[in-house]
Amino acid sequence: MSTLLTIKERIKSDPKLKQFVHRMIMPRNQAKPRLWVRWFVNPFIHKKGKGAIVRRSARMDVFPFNRFDLGELSIVEDFATVNNGVGDVIIGNRVQIGIGNVLIGPVTIADNVIIAQNVVMSGLNHGYEDPDLPIGQQKCTTAEIYVGADSWIGANAVITAGVRIGEHSVVAGGSVVTKNVPPFSVVAGNPARVIKQYNPGKKLWERV
């Protein structure tokens, strides 16, 4: 592991070497690794837990220079896209990544999370402040998304960069989550707001 870290630091410290390695890993102007990387590099670097499944039609834009973990008994369904190009993607045990989901790191998903169809989680934001420069050429920023254990993200929800969702929470379908969600809460709307929370004293989910 120390040898691998030394190699990574050497590459990062040399701009020309970094550019060369980058071109070897991915084609110019694409966010997809080359076939040889997917076949001969990623399987030996990234962790895939026992019983984990990646469906055949899932798009795994996974690169060796950032972390990708898929926990035990977790599943990435067809037509989902997972991209760790700008940040780690860490998926816990018994997680369901639904059909058509988009996960762009940095994203961490804890155990037993259910993510329904067509959910977007992006830890990446494009800069736009310079009006004389195309947005695609401006500096990107990243902020980790975290989804706590036992949570459920409804279909067509959007989770924005930097948001933390507490454990055993529910994001209603179609919600746009721009702020942190407390544990044991239900949020809905655009922008999403808390509409229910669990009261442990009464053992009830109460409207807020």
N, C-alpha and C. Protein backbone atom coordinates (compact mmCIF):
# COMPACT_ATOMS: atom_id res chain seq x y z
N MET A 1 0.83 -1.21 0.00
CA MET A 1 0.00 0.00 0.00
C MET A 1 0.87 1.26 0.00
N SER A 2 1.97 1.26 0.77
CA SER A 2 2.85 2.43 0.83
C SER A 2 3.49 2.70 -0.53
N THR A 3 3.85 1.61 -1.25
CA THR A 3 4.41 1.76 -2.59
C THR A 3 3.42 2.42 -3.54
N LEU A 4 2.15 1.98 -3.46
CA LEU A 4 1.09 2.55 -4.29
C LEU A 4 0.90 4.03 -3.99
N LEU A 5 0.92 4.40 -2.70
CA LEU A 5 0.77 5.81 -2.32
C LEU A 5 1.94 6.64 -2.84
N THR A 6 3.14 6.07 -2.79
CA THR A 6 4.32 6.77 -3.30
C THR A 6 4.20 7.04 -4.80
N ILE A 7 3.72 6.04 -5.53
CA ILE A 7 3.51 6.19 -6.97
C ILE A 7 2.49 7.27 -7.25
N LYS A 8 1.39 7.27 -6.50
CA LYS A 8 0.34 8.28 -6.68
C LYS A 8 0.88 9.68 -6.43
N GLU A 9 1.66 9.84 -5.35
CA GLU A 9 2.22 11.16 -5.03
C GLU A 9 3.18 11.62 -6.12
N ARG A 10 3.97 10.69 -6.65
CA ARG A 10 4.91 11.03 -7.73
C ARG A 10 4.15 11.53 -8.95
N ILE A 11 3.08 10.84 -9.30
CA ILE A 11 2.28 11.23 -10.47
C ILE A 11 1.64 12.60 -10.25
N LYS A 12 1.09 12.82 -9.06
CA LYS A 12 0.42 14.10 -8.77
C LYS A 12 1.39 15.28 -8.78
N SER A 13 2.63 15.03 -8.41
CA SER A 13 3.61 16.12 -8.30
C SER A 13 4.26 16.49 -9.63
N ASP A 14 4.05 15.67 -10.65
CA ASP A 14 4.65 15.93 -11.96
C ASP A 14 3.53 16.17 -12.98
N PRO A 15 3.30 17.43 -13.38
CA PRO A 15 2.17 17.75 -14.28
C PRO A 15 2.20 16.98 -15.60
N LYS A 16 3.37 16.84 -16.21
CA LYS A 16 3.45 16.13 -17.48
C LYS A 16 3.16 14.64 -17.32
N LEU A 17 3.69 14.05 -16.26
CA LEU A 17 3.43 12.64 -15.98
C LEU A 17 1.96 12.43 -15.65
N LYS A 18 1.40 13.36 -14.89
CA LYS A 18 -0.01 13.27 -14.53
C LYS A 18 -0.90 13.31 -15.78
N GLN A 19 -0.59 14.22 -16.70
CA GLN A 19 -1.35 14.32 -17.95
C GLN A 19 -1.23 13.05 -18.78
N PHE A 20 -0.02 12.50 -18.85
CA PHE A 20 0.20 11.26 -19.60
C PHE A 20 -0.62 10.11 -19.01
N VAL A 21 -0.55 9.94 -17.70
CA VAL A 21 -1.29 8.86 -17.02
C VAL A 21 -2.79 9.05 -17.21
N HIS A 22 -3.22 10.30 -17.13
CA HIS A 22 -4.64 10.61 -17.31
C HIS A 22 -5.12 10.17 -18.69
N ARG A 23 -4.32 10.45 -19.72
CA ARG A 23 -4.69 10.07 -21.08
C ARG A 23 -4.67 8.55 -21.27
N MET A 24 -3.80 7.87 -20.54
CA MET A 24 -3.75 6.41 -20.62
C MET A 24 -4.98 5.78 -19.97
N ILE A 25 -5.51 6.45 -18.94
CA ILE A 25 -6.65 5.90 -18.20
C ILE A 25 -7.97 6.22 -18.87
N MET A 26 -8.10 7.42 -19.44
CA MET A 26 -9.37 7.83 -20.04
C MET A 26 -9.12 8.61 -21.33
N PRO A 27 -9.99 8.42 -22.33
CA PRO A 27 -9.86 9.17 -23.58
C PRO A 27 -10.09 10.67 -23.36
N ARG A 28 -9.54 11.48 -24.23
CA ARG A 28 -9.70 12.93 -24.14
C ARG A 28 -11.18 13.32 -24.21
N ASN A 29 -11.56 14.26 -23.34
CA ASN A 29 -12.92 14.81 -23.30
C ASN A 29 -13.99 13.75 -22.99
N GLN A 30 -13.59 12.71 -22.27
CA GLN A 30 -14.56 11.71 -21.84
C GLN A 30 -14.41 11.45 -20.35
N ALA A 31 -15.52 11.03 -19.73
CA ALA A 31 -15.50 10.73 -18.30
C ALA A 31 -15.68 9.23 -18.08
N LYS A 32 -15.10 8.46 -18.98
CA LYS A 32 -15.24 7.00 -18.93
C LYS A 32 -13.86 6.37 -19.03
N PRO A 33 -13.55 5.39 -18.16
CA PRO A 33 -12.23 4.76 -18.23
C PRO A 33 -12.09 3.88 -19.47
N ARG A 34 -10.86 3.73 -19.92
CA ARG A 34 -10.60 2.85 -21.05
C ARG A 34 -10.89 1.40 -20.66
N LEU A 35 -11.12 0.58 -21.67
CA LEU A 35 -11.51 -0.81 -21.45
C LEU A 35 -10.47 -1.56 -20.63
N TRP A 36 -9.18 -1.33 -20.90
CA TRP A 36 -8.13 -2.07 -20.20
C TRP A 36 -8.12 -1.73 -18.70
N VAL A 37 -8.52 -0.49 -18.37
CA VAL A 37 -8.60 -0.09 -16.96
C VAL A 37 -9.73 -0.85 -16.27
N ARG A 38 -10.88 -0.93 -16.94
CA ARG A 38 -12.03 -1.62 -16.36
C ARG A 38 -11.77 -3.11 -16.18
N TRP A 39 -11.03 -3.70 -17.11
CA TRP A 39 -10.81 -5.15 -17.07
C TRP A 39 -9.64 -5.57 -16.18
N PHE A 40 -8.53 -4.82 -16.26
CA PHE A 40 -7.28 -5.30 -15.68
C PHE A 40 -6.77 -4.49 -14.48
N VAL A 41 -7.37 -3.35 -14.20
CA VAL A 41 -6.90 -2.53 -13.07
C VAL A 41 -7.94 -2.46 -11.96
N ASN A 42 -9.13 -1.98 -12.29
CA ASN A 42 -10.15 -1.77 -11.26
C ASN A 42 -10.46 -3.00 -10.40
N PRO A 43 -10.58 -4.20 -10.99
CA PRO A 43 -10.91 -5.36 -10.16
C PRO A 43 -9.91 -5.65 -9.05
N PHE A 44 -8.65 -5.18 -9.23
CA PHE A 44 -7.62 -5.45 -8.24
C PHE A 44 -7.45 -4.30 -7.24
N ILE A 45 -8.11 -3.18 -7.49
CA ILE A 45 -7.97 -2.01 -6.62
C ILE A 45 -9.22 -1.76 -5.79
N HIS A 46 -10.39 -1.88 -6.42
CA HIS A 46 -11.63 -1.52 -5.75
C HIS A 46 -12.25 -2.72 -5.04
N LYS A 47 -12.95 -2.42 -3.94
CA LYS A 47 -13.53 -3.49 -3.12
C LYS A 47 -14.96 -3.80 -3.56
N LYS A 48 -15.22 -5.08 -3.77
CA LYS A 48 -16.56 -5.55 -4.08
C LYS A 48 -16.90 -6.65 -3.10
N GLY A 49 -17.90 -6.40 -2.23
CA GLY A 49 -18.23 -7.32 -1.16
C GLY A 49 -18.87 -8.60 -1.67
N LYS A 50 -18.89 -9.58 -0.81
CA LYS A 50 -19.48 -10.88 -1.14
C LYS A 50 -20.96 -10.72 -1.48
N GLY A 51 -21.36 -11.29 -2.62
CA GLY A 51 -22.76 -11.24 -3.02
C GLY A 51 -23.19 -9.93 -3.66
N ALA A 52 -22.27 -8.97 -3.82
CA ALA A 52 -22.60 -7.69 -4.47
C ALA A 52 -22.80 -7.91 -5.96
N ILE A 53 -23.73 -7.14 -6.54
CA ILE A 53 -24.08 -7.30 -7.95
C ILE A 53 -24.06 -5.94 -8.65
N VAL A 54 -23.42 -5.92 -9.82
CA VAL A 54 -23.52 -4.77 -10.71
C VAL A 54 -24.18 -5.27 -11.99
N ARG A 55 -25.38 -4.78 -12.28
CA ARG A 55 -26.11 -5.24 -13.46
C ARG A 55 -25.36 -4.89 -14.74
N ARG A 56 -25.63 -5.68 -15.76
CA ARG A 56 -24.89 -5.59 -17.01
C ARG A 56 -25.02 -4.23 -17.69
N SER A 57 -26.18 -3.59 -17.57
CA SER A 57 -26.41 -2.31 -18.26
C SER A 57 -26.07 -1.09 -17.41
N ALA A 58 -25.51 -1.34 -16.21
CA ALA A 58 -25.06 -0.21 -15.39
C ALA A 58 -23.80 0.40 -16.01
N ARG A 59 -23.67 1.71 -15.93
CA ARG A 59 -22.48 2.39 -16.44
C ARG A 59 -21.56 2.70 -15.27
N MET A 60 -20.44 2.00 -15.21
CA MET A 60 -19.50 2.15 -14.10
C MET A 60 -18.29 2.96 -14.57
N ASP A 61 -18.39 4.27 -14.43
CA ASP A 61 -17.28 5.16 -14.77
C ASP A 61 -16.39 5.29 -13.54
N VAL A 62 -15.67 4.18 -13.27
CA VAL A 62 -14.89 4.04 -12.05
C VAL A 62 -13.41 4.03 -12.41
N PHE A 63 -12.65 4.90 -11.73
CA PHE A 63 -11.23 5.08 -12.04
C PHE A 63 -10.36 4.61 -10.89
N PRO A 64 -9.13 4.21 -11.17
CA PRO A 64 -8.27 3.68 -10.11
C PRO A 64 -7.70 4.73 -9.17
N PHE A 65 -7.77 6.02 -9.55
CA PHE A 65 -7.13 7.04 -8.72
C PHE A 65 -8.01 7.53 -7.58
N ASN A 66 -9.28 7.09 -7.52
CA ASN A 66 -10.14 7.38 -6.38
C ASN A 66 -10.77 6.09 -5.89
N ARG A 67 -11.32 6.14 -4.71
CA ARG A 67 -11.85 4.93 -4.07
C ARG A 67 -13.25 4.60 -4.58
N PHE A 68 -13.49 3.31 -4.79
CA PHE A 68 -14.84 2.79 -5.05
C PHE A 68 -15.00 1.50 -4.28
N ASP A 69 -15.98 1.48 -3.35
CA ASP A 69 -16.30 0.29 -2.57
C ASP A 69 -17.77 -0.05 -2.78
N LEU A 70 -18.06 -1.33 -2.97
CA LEU A 70 -19.44 -1.82 -3.06
C LEU A 70 -19.58 -2.92 -2.02
N GLY A 71 -20.41 -2.68 -1.01
CA GLY A 71 -20.49 -3.58 0.13
C GLY A 71 -21.20 -4.90 -0.16
N GLU A 72 -21.17 -5.76 0.82
CA GLU A 72 -21.78 -7.09 0.70
C GLU A 72 -23.28 -6.99 0.42
N LEU A 73 -23.72 -7.83 -0.53
CA LEU A 73 -25.14 -7.97 -0.87
C LEU A 73 -25.76 -6.67 -1.41
N SER A 74 -24.92 -5.73 -1.80
CA SER A 74 -25.43 -4.49 -2.42
C SER A 74 -25.61 -4.71 -3.91
N ILE A 75 -26.45 -3.87 -4.52
CA ILE A 75 -26.75 -4.04 -5.94
C ILE A 75 -26.79 -2.69 -6.65
N VAL A 76 -26.20 -2.63 -7.84
CA VAL A 76 -26.31 -1.47 -8.72
C VAL A 76 -27.15 -1.92 -9.91
N GLU A 77 -28.34 -1.36 -10.02
CA GLU A 77 -29.29 -1.83 -11.03
C GLU A 77 -28.97 -1.29 -12.43
N ASP A 78 -29.68 -1.84 -13.41
CA ASP A 78 -29.49 -1.45 -14.80
C ASP A 78 -29.68 0.06 -15.00
N PHE A 79 -28.87 0.60 -15.92
CA PHE A 79 -28.95 2.00 -16.37
C PHE A 79 -28.56 3.01 -15.29
N ALA A 80 -28.06 2.52 -14.15
CA ALA A 80 -27.47 3.42 -13.17
C ALA A 80 -26.08 3.84 -13.65
N THR A 81 -25.64 5.02 -13.20
CA THR A 81 -24.29 5.50 -13.50
C THR A 81 -23.57 5.81 -12.20
N VAL A 82 -22.38 5.27 -12.06
CA VAL A 82 -21.55 5.53 -10.89
C VAL A 82 -20.23 6.11 -11.39
N ASN A 83 -19.85 7.28 -10.86
CA ASN A 83 -18.64 7.96 -11.32
C ASN A 83 -17.84 8.45 -10.11
N ASN A 84 -16.62 7.95 -9.98
CA ASN A 84 -15.74 8.38 -8.88
C ASN A 84 -14.59 9.24 -9.39
N GLY A 85 -14.76 9.83 -10.56
CA GLY A 85 -13.69 10.60 -11.18
C GLY A 85 -13.22 11.80 -10.37
N VAL A 86 -14.13 12.44 -9.63
CA VAL A 86 -13.74 13.63 -8.86
C VAL A 86 -13.86 13.40 -7.36
N GLY A 87 -14.24 12.19 -6.95
CA GLY A 87 -14.35 11.91 -5.52
C GLY A 87 -14.74 10.47 -5.27
N ASP A 88 -14.39 9.98 -4.10
CA ASP A 88 -14.67 8.60 -3.73
C ASP A 88 -16.17 8.31 -3.75
N VAL A 89 -16.52 7.07 -4.13
CA VAL A 89 -17.89 6.57 -4.02
C VAL A 89 -17.83 5.32 -3.15
N ILE A 90 -18.42 5.41 -1.97
CA ILE A 90 -18.37 4.33 -1.00
C ILE A 90 -19.79 3.89 -0.69
N ILE A 91 -20.11 2.66 -1.04
CA ILE A 91 -21.46 2.11 -0.87
C ILE A 91 -21.39 0.98 0.15
N GLY A 92 -22.20 1.07 1.18
CA GLY A 92 -22.16 0.10 2.27
C GLY A 92 -22.78 -1.23 1.92
N ASN A 93 -23.11 -1.99 2.95
CA ASN A 93 -23.68 -3.32 2.79
C ASN A 93 -25.21 -3.25 2.61
N ARG A 94 -25.72 -4.15 1.79
CA ARG A 94 -27.17 -4.29 1.58
C ARG A 94 -27.82 -2.98 1.11
N VAL A 95 -27.15 -2.32 0.19
CA VAL A 95 -27.65 -1.06 -0.38
C VAL A 95 -28.24 -1.36 -1.76
N GLN A 96 -29.37 -0.74 -2.06
CA GLN A 96 -30.00 -0.89 -3.36
C GLN A 96 -29.86 0.42 -4.15
N ILE A 97 -29.05 0.37 -5.21
CA ILE A 97 -28.90 1.51 -6.11
C ILE A 97 -29.87 1.28 -7.26
N GLY A 98 -30.95 2.05 -7.33
CA GLY A 98 -32.06 1.77 -8.22
C GLY A 98 -31.79 2.03 -9.69
N ILE A 99 -32.73 1.60 -10.52
CA ILE A 99 -32.64 1.77 -11.96
C ILE A 99 -32.51 3.26 -12.31
N GLY A 100 -31.53 3.58 -13.15
CA GLY A 100 -31.37 4.96 -13.62
C GLY A 100 -30.79 5.93 -12.62
N ASN A 101 -30.28 5.45 -11.49
CA ASN A 101 -29.64 6.36 -10.52
C ASN A 101 -28.35 6.94 -11.10
N VAL A 102 -27.99 8.14 -10.64
CA VAL A 102 -26.70 8.75 -10.99
C VAL A 102 -26.00 9.10 -9.68
N LEU A 103 -24.82 8.52 -9.48
CA LEU A 103 -24.00 8.80 -8.30
C LEU A 103 -22.66 9.35 -8.76
N ILE A 104 -22.40 10.62 -8.45
CA ILE A 104 -21.13 11.25 -8.79
C ILE A 104 -20.46 11.65 -7.49
N GLY A 105 -19.28 11.08 -7.24
CA GLY A 105 -18.60 11.32 -5.98
C GLY A 105 -18.14 12.76 -5.80
N PRO A 106 -17.79 13.09 -4.56
CA PRO A 106 -17.72 12.22 -3.41
C PRO A 106 -19.09 11.91 -2.79
N VAL A 107 -19.38 10.61 -2.67
CA VAL A 107 -20.64 10.14 -2.09
C VAL A 107 -20.35 8.95 -1.18
N THR A 108 -20.92 8.97 0.01
CA THR A 108 -20.85 7.83 0.92
C THR A 108 -22.26 7.42 1.30
N ILE A 109 -22.57 6.14 1.12
CA ILE A 109 -23.89 5.61 1.44
C ILE A 109 -23.70 4.51 2.49
N ALA A 110 -24.32 4.67 3.63
CA ALA A 110 -24.16 3.71 4.72
C ALA A 110 -25.00 2.45 4.46
N ASP A 111 -25.02 1.53 5.39
CA ASP A 111 -25.67 0.23 5.21
C ASP A 111 -27.20 0.35 5.12
N ASN A 112 -27.78 -0.61 4.40
CA ASN A 112 -29.24 -0.82 4.36
C ASN A 112 -30.02 0.36 3.80
N VAL A 113 -29.44 1.08 2.87
CA VAL A 113 -30.12 2.22 2.25
C VAL A 113 -30.82 1.75 0.98
N ILE A 114 -32.05 2.21 0.80
CA ILE A 114 -32.82 1.94 -0.42
C ILE A 114 -32.88 3.23 -1.24
N ILE A 115 -32.45 3.14 -2.48
CA ILE A 115 -32.53 4.30 -3.38
C ILE A 115 -33.39 3.89 -4.56
N ALA A 116 -34.52 4.54 -4.72
CA ALA A 116 -35.48 4.20 -5.77
C ALA A 116 -34.97 4.65 -7.14
N GLN A 117 -35.86 4.71 -8.12
CA GLN A 117 -35.46 4.95 -9.50
C GLN A 117 -35.13 6.42 -9.78
N ASN A 118 -34.16 6.61 -10.69
CA ASN A 118 -33.86 7.93 -11.27
C ASN A 118 -33.49 8.99 -10.23
N VAL A 119 -32.81 8.57 -9.19
CA VAL A 119 -32.31 9.50 -8.18
C VAL A 119 -30.94 10.02 -8.62
N VAL A 120 -30.70 11.31 -8.39
CA VAL A 120 -29.41 11.91 -8.72
C VAL A 120 -28.74 12.40 -7.45
N MET A 121 -27.50 11.93 -7.22
CA MET A 121 -26.67 12.43 -6.13
C MET A 121 -25.35 12.88 -6.74
N SER A 122 -25.05 14.14 -6.67
CA SER A 122 -23.81 14.64 -7.25
C SER A 122 -23.05 15.48 -6.23
N GLY A 123 -21.86 15.00 -5.88
CA GLY A 123 -20.99 15.78 -5.00
C GLY A 123 -20.17 16.81 -5.76
N LEU A 124 -20.47 16.99 -7.04
CA LEU A 124 -19.74 17.90 -7.92
C LEU A 124 -20.60 19.11 -8.28
N ASN A 125 -19.97 20.27 -8.29
CA ASN A 125 -20.60 21.49 -8.80
C ASN A 125 -19.67 22.17 -9.80
N HIS A 126 -20.24 22.66 -10.91
CA HIS A 126 -19.45 23.42 -11.88
C HIS A 126 -19.42 24.89 -11.50
N GLY A 127 -18.27 25.50 -11.68
CA GLY A 127 -18.18 26.95 -11.49
C GLY A 127 -18.86 27.68 -12.65
N TYR A 128 -19.34 28.87 -12.38
CA TYR A 128 -20.05 29.65 -13.41
C TYR A 128 -19.76 31.14 -13.30
N GLU A 129 -18.93 31.53 -12.32
CA GLU A 129 -18.79 32.94 -11.94
C GLU A 129 -18.18 33.81 -13.03
N ASP A 130 -17.29 33.27 -13.86
CA ASP A 130 -16.63 34.07 -14.90
C ASP A 130 -17.50 34.08 -16.16
N PRO A 131 -18.14 35.21 -16.49
CA PRO A 131 -19.04 35.25 -17.65
C PRO A 131 -18.32 35.17 -18.99
N ASP A 132 -16.98 35.32 -18.98
CA ASP A 132 -16.21 35.28 -20.22
C ASP A 132 -15.67 33.89 -20.53
N LEU A 133 -15.98 32.94 -19.68
CA LEU A 133 -15.45 31.59 -19.84
C LEU A 133 -16.60 30.59 -19.83
N PRO A 134 -16.64 29.64 -20.79
CA PRO A 134 -17.70 28.63 -20.77
C PRO A 134 -17.72 27.87 -19.44
N ILE A 135 -18.90 27.55 -18.96
CA ILE A 135 -19.02 26.88 -17.67
C ILE A 135 -18.21 25.59 -17.64
N GLY A 136 -18.19 24.87 -18.76
CA GLY A 136 -17.47 23.61 -18.80
C GLY A 136 -15.96 23.74 -18.62
N GLN A 137 -15.44 24.97 -18.78
CA GLN A 137 -14.00 25.20 -18.62
C GLN A 137 -13.64 25.81 -17.28
N GLN A 138 -14.66 26.09 -16.45
CA GLN A 138 -14.39 26.71 -15.16
C GLN A 138 -14.13 25.65 -14.10
N LYS A 139 -13.52 26.08 -13.03
CA LYS A 139 -13.10 25.17 -11.96
C LYS A 139 -14.31 24.52 -11.28
N CYS A 140 -14.20 23.22 -11.05
CA CYS A 140 -15.25 22.49 -10.34
C CYS A 140 -14.95 22.46 -8.85
N THR A 141 -15.99 22.36 -8.05
CA THR A 141 -15.85 22.18 -6.61
C THR A 141 -16.55 20.89 -6.21
N THR A 142 -16.11 20.30 -5.11
CA THR A 142 -16.74 19.08 -4.62
C THR A 142 -17.05 19.19 -3.13
N ALA A 143 -18.12 18.53 -2.71
CA ALA A 143 -18.47 18.43 -1.30
C ALA A 143 -19.21 17.11 -1.11
N GLU A 144 -18.80 16.33 -0.13
CA GLU A 144 -19.31 14.97 0.03
C GLU A 144 -20.79 14.93 0.39
N ILE A 145 -21.50 14.04 -0.27
CA ILE A 145 -22.86 13.68 0.11
C ILE A 145 -22.78 12.46 1.00
N TYR A 146 -23.54 12.47 2.09
CA TYR A 146 -23.57 11.31 3.00
C TYR A 146 -25.02 10.91 3.25
N VAL A 147 -25.30 9.62 3.06
CA VAL A 147 -26.64 9.10 3.34
C VAL A 147 -26.52 8.10 4.48
N GLY A 148 -27.21 8.38 5.59
CA GLY A 148 -27.11 7.55 6.77
C GLY A 148 -27.80 6.20 6.63
N ALA A 149 -27.44 5.29 7.50
CA ALA A 149 -27.94 3.91 7.46
C ALA A 149 -29.46 3.86 7.54
N ASP A 150 -30.01 2.85 6.88
CA ASP A 150 -31.45 2.51 6.96
C ASP A 150 -32.36 3.57 6.35
N SER A 151 -31.81 4.43 5.52
CA SER A 151 -32.63 5.49 4.91
C SER A 151 -33.24 5.03 3.59
N TRP A 152 -34.24 5.81 3.13
CA TRP A 152 -34.95 5.50 1.89
C TRP A 152 -35.05 6.78 1.08
N ILE A 153 -34.52 6.75 -0.13
CA ILE A 153 -34.57 7.91 -1.03
C ILE A 153 -35.57 7.60 -2.13
N GLY A 154 -36.65 8.39 -2.22
CA GLY A 154 -37.72 8.15 -3.17
C GLY A 154 -37.33 8.48 -4.60
N ALA A 155 -38.13 7.97 -5.53
CA ALA A 155 -37.86 8.12 -6.96
C ALA A 155 -37.77 9.59 -7.39
N ASN A 156 -36.84 9.86 -8.31
CA ASN A 156 -36.68 11.18 -8.94
C ASN A 156 -36.20 12.27 -7.97
N ALA A 157 -35.69 11.88 -6.81
CA ALA A 157 -35.14 12.87 -5.88
C ALA A 157 -33.77 13.33 -6.36
N VAL A 158 -33.39 14.54 -5.94
CA VAL A 158 -32.07 15.10 -6.24
C VAL A 158 -31.42 15.48 -4.91
N ILE A 159 -30.22 14.96 -4.68
CA ILE A 159 -29.45 15.29 -3.48
C ILE A 159 -28.26 16.11 -3.92
N THR A 160 -28.14 17.33 -3.43
CA THR A 160 -27.09 18.23 -3.91
C THR A 160 -25.81 18.08 -3.09
N ALA A 161 -24.73 18.62 -3.64
CA ALA A 161 -23.40 18.48 -3.05
C ALA A 161 -23.37 18.99 -1.61
N GLY A 162 -22.69 18.23 -0.74
CA GLY A 162 -22.49 18.64 0.64
C GLY A 162 -23.59 18.27 1.61
N VAL A 163 -24.68 17.69 1.12
CA VAL A 163 -25.81 17.36 1.99
C VAL A 163 -25.53 16.08 2.78
N ARG A 164 -25.93 16.09 4.05
CA ARG A 164 -25.85 14.90 4.91
C ARG A 164 -27.27 14.51 5.31
N ILE A 165 -27.61 13.26 5.07
CA ILE A 165 -28.93 12.73 5.43
C ILE A 165 -28.75 11.80 6.61
N GLY A 166 -29.45 12.08 7.70
CA GLY A 166 -29.32 11.30 8.92
C GLY A 166 -29.89 9.90 8.78
N GLU A 167 -29.54 9.04 9.72
CA GLU A 167 -29.97 7.65 9.66
C GLU A 167 -31.49 7.52 9.75
N HIS A 168 -32.00 6.47 9.13
CA HIS A 168 -33.42 6.10 9.15
C HIS A 168 -34.32 7.28 8.74
N SER A 169 -33.89 7.97 7.72
CA SER A 169 -34.68 9.08 7.20
C SER A 169 -35.28 8.72 5.85
N VAL A 170 -36.31 9.49 5.46
CA VAL A 170 -37.00 9.26 4.19
C VAL A 170 -37.01 10.55 3.39
N VAL A 171 -36.58 10.46 2.13
CA VAL A 171 -36.69 11.58 1.21
C VAL A 171 -37.80 11.24 0.22
N ALA A 172 -38.86 12.03 0.25
CA ALA A 172 -40.02 11.75 -0.61
C ALA A 172 -39.66 11.89 -2.08
N GLY A 173 -40.36 11.14 -2.92
CA GLY A 173 -40.13 11.18 -4.35
C GLY A 173 -40.23 12.58 -4.92
N GLY A 174 -39.30 12.93 -5.82
CA GLY A 174 -39.32 14.23 -6.47
C GLY A 174 -38.74 15.36 -5.65
N SER A 175 -38.25 15.08 -4.47
CA SER A 175 -37.70 16.14 -3.62
C SER A 175 -36.34 16.60 -4.12
N VAL A 176 -36.02 17.86 -3.85
CA VAL A 176 -34.69 18.41 -4.12
C VAL A 176 -34.09 18.80 -2.78
N VAL A 177 -33.10 18.04 -2.35
CA VAL A 177 -32.55 18.21 -1.00
C VAL A 177 -31.30 19.08 -1.07
N THR A 178 -31.39 20.26 -0.49
CA THR A 178 -30.29 21.22 -0.53
C THR A 178 -29.67 21.48 0.84
N LYS A 179 -30.32 20.95 1.90
CA LYS A 179 -29.83 21.14 3.27
C LYS A 179 -29.80 19.79 3.99
N ASN A 180 -29.01 19.73 5.06
CA ASN A 180 -28.89 18.51 5.83
C ASN A 180 -30.25 18.05 6.37
N VAL A 181 -30.42 16.73 6.46
CA VAL A 181 -31.65 16.13 6.96
C VAL A 181 -31.35 15.48 8.31
N PRO A 182 -32.06 15.84 9.38
CA PRO A 182 -31.80 15.23 10.69
C PRO A 182 -32.14 13.74 10.67
N PRO A 183 -31.56 12.95 11.57
CA PRO A 183 -31.92 11.54 11.67
C PRO A 183 -33.41 11.37 11.98
N PHE A 184 -33.97 10.26 11.56
CA PHE A 184 -35.36 9.90 11.84
C PHE A 184 -36.33 11.00 11.41
N SER A 185 -36.14 11.45 10.17
CA SER A 185 -36.99 12.51 9.63
C SER A 185 -37.52 12.12 8.26
N VAL A 186 -38.65 12.75 7.89
CA VAL A 186 -39.18 12.63 6.54
C VAL A 186 -39.14 14.02 5.92
N VAL A 187 -38.55 14.13 4.71
CA VAL A 187 -38.50 15.43 4.05
C VAL A 187 -39.18 15.32 2.68
N ALA A 188 -39.73 16.45 2.24
CA ALA A 188 -40.43 16.47 0.95
C ALA A 188 -40.39 17.88 0.39
N GLY A 189 -40.51 17.99 -0.95
CA GLY A 189 -40.65 19.29 -1.59
C GLY A 189 -39.39 19.76 -2.29
N ASN A 190 -39.53 20.96 -2.90
CA ASN A 190 -38.43 21.60 -3.61
C ASN A 190 -38.41 23.09 -3.24
N PRO A 191 -37.46 23.51 -2.39
CA PRO A 191 -36.46 22.68 -1.71
C PRO A 191 -37.11 21.83 -0.61
N ALA A 192 -36.50 20.70 -0.32
CA ALA A 192 -37.08 19.77 0.66
C ALA A 192 -37.06 20.38 2.06
N ARG A 193 -38.13 20.09 2.81
CA ARG A 193 -38.20 20.50 4.22
C ARG A 193 -38.74 19.33 5.04
N VAL A 194 -38.46 19.36 6.32
CA VAL A 194 -38.91 18.29 7.22
C VAL A 194 -40.42 18.37 7.40
N ILE A 195 -41.12 17.26 7.14
CA ILE A 195 -42.57 17.23 7.35
C ILE A 195 -42.97 16.26 8.47
N LYS A 196 -42.07 15.35 8.83
CA LYS A 196 -42.32 14.42 9.93
C LYS A 196 -41.02 14.10 10.64
N GLN A 197 -41.14 13.83 11.96
CA GLN A 197 -40.00 13.34 12.72
C GLN A 197 -40.47 12.30 13.72
N TYR A 198 -39.57 11.38 14.04
CA TYR A 198 -39.93 10.32 14.99
C TYR A 198 -39.76 10.82 16.41
N ASN A 199 -40.81 10.61 17.23
CA ASN A 199 -40.78 10.95 18.65
C ASN A 199 -40.55 9.67 19.44
N PRO A 200 -39.32 9.47 19.97
CA PRO A 200 -39.04 8.21 20.66
C PRO A 200 -39.83 8.03 21.95
N GLY A 201 -40.20 9.15 22.59
CA GLY A 201 -40.99 9.06 23.81
C GLY A 201 -42.38 8.49 23.55
N LYS A 202 -43.03 8.97 22.48
CA LYS A 202 -44.36 8.50 22.12
C LYS A 202 -44.32 7.32 21.17
N LYS A 203 -43.14 7.04 20.62
CA LYS A 203 -42.98 5.99 19.61
C LYS A 203 -43.91 6.21 18.42
N LEU A 204 -43.91 7.48 17.97
CA LEU A 204 -44.76 7.87 16.86
C LEU A 204 -44.00 8.78 15.90
N TRP A 205 -44.37 8.72 14.62
CA TRP A 205 -43.89 9.68 13.64
C TRP A 205 -44.88 10.85 13.63
N GLU A 206 -44.40 12.03 14.01
CA GLU A 206 -45.28 13.18 14.16
C GLU A 206 -45.02 14.22 13.08
N ARG A 207 -46.09 14.84 12.60
CA ARG A 207 -45.96 15.94 11.64
C ARG A 207 -45.34 17.16 12.29
N VAL A 208 -44.51 17.84 11.52
CA VAL A 208 -43.82 19.03 12.04
C VAL A 208 -44.60 20.26 11.63
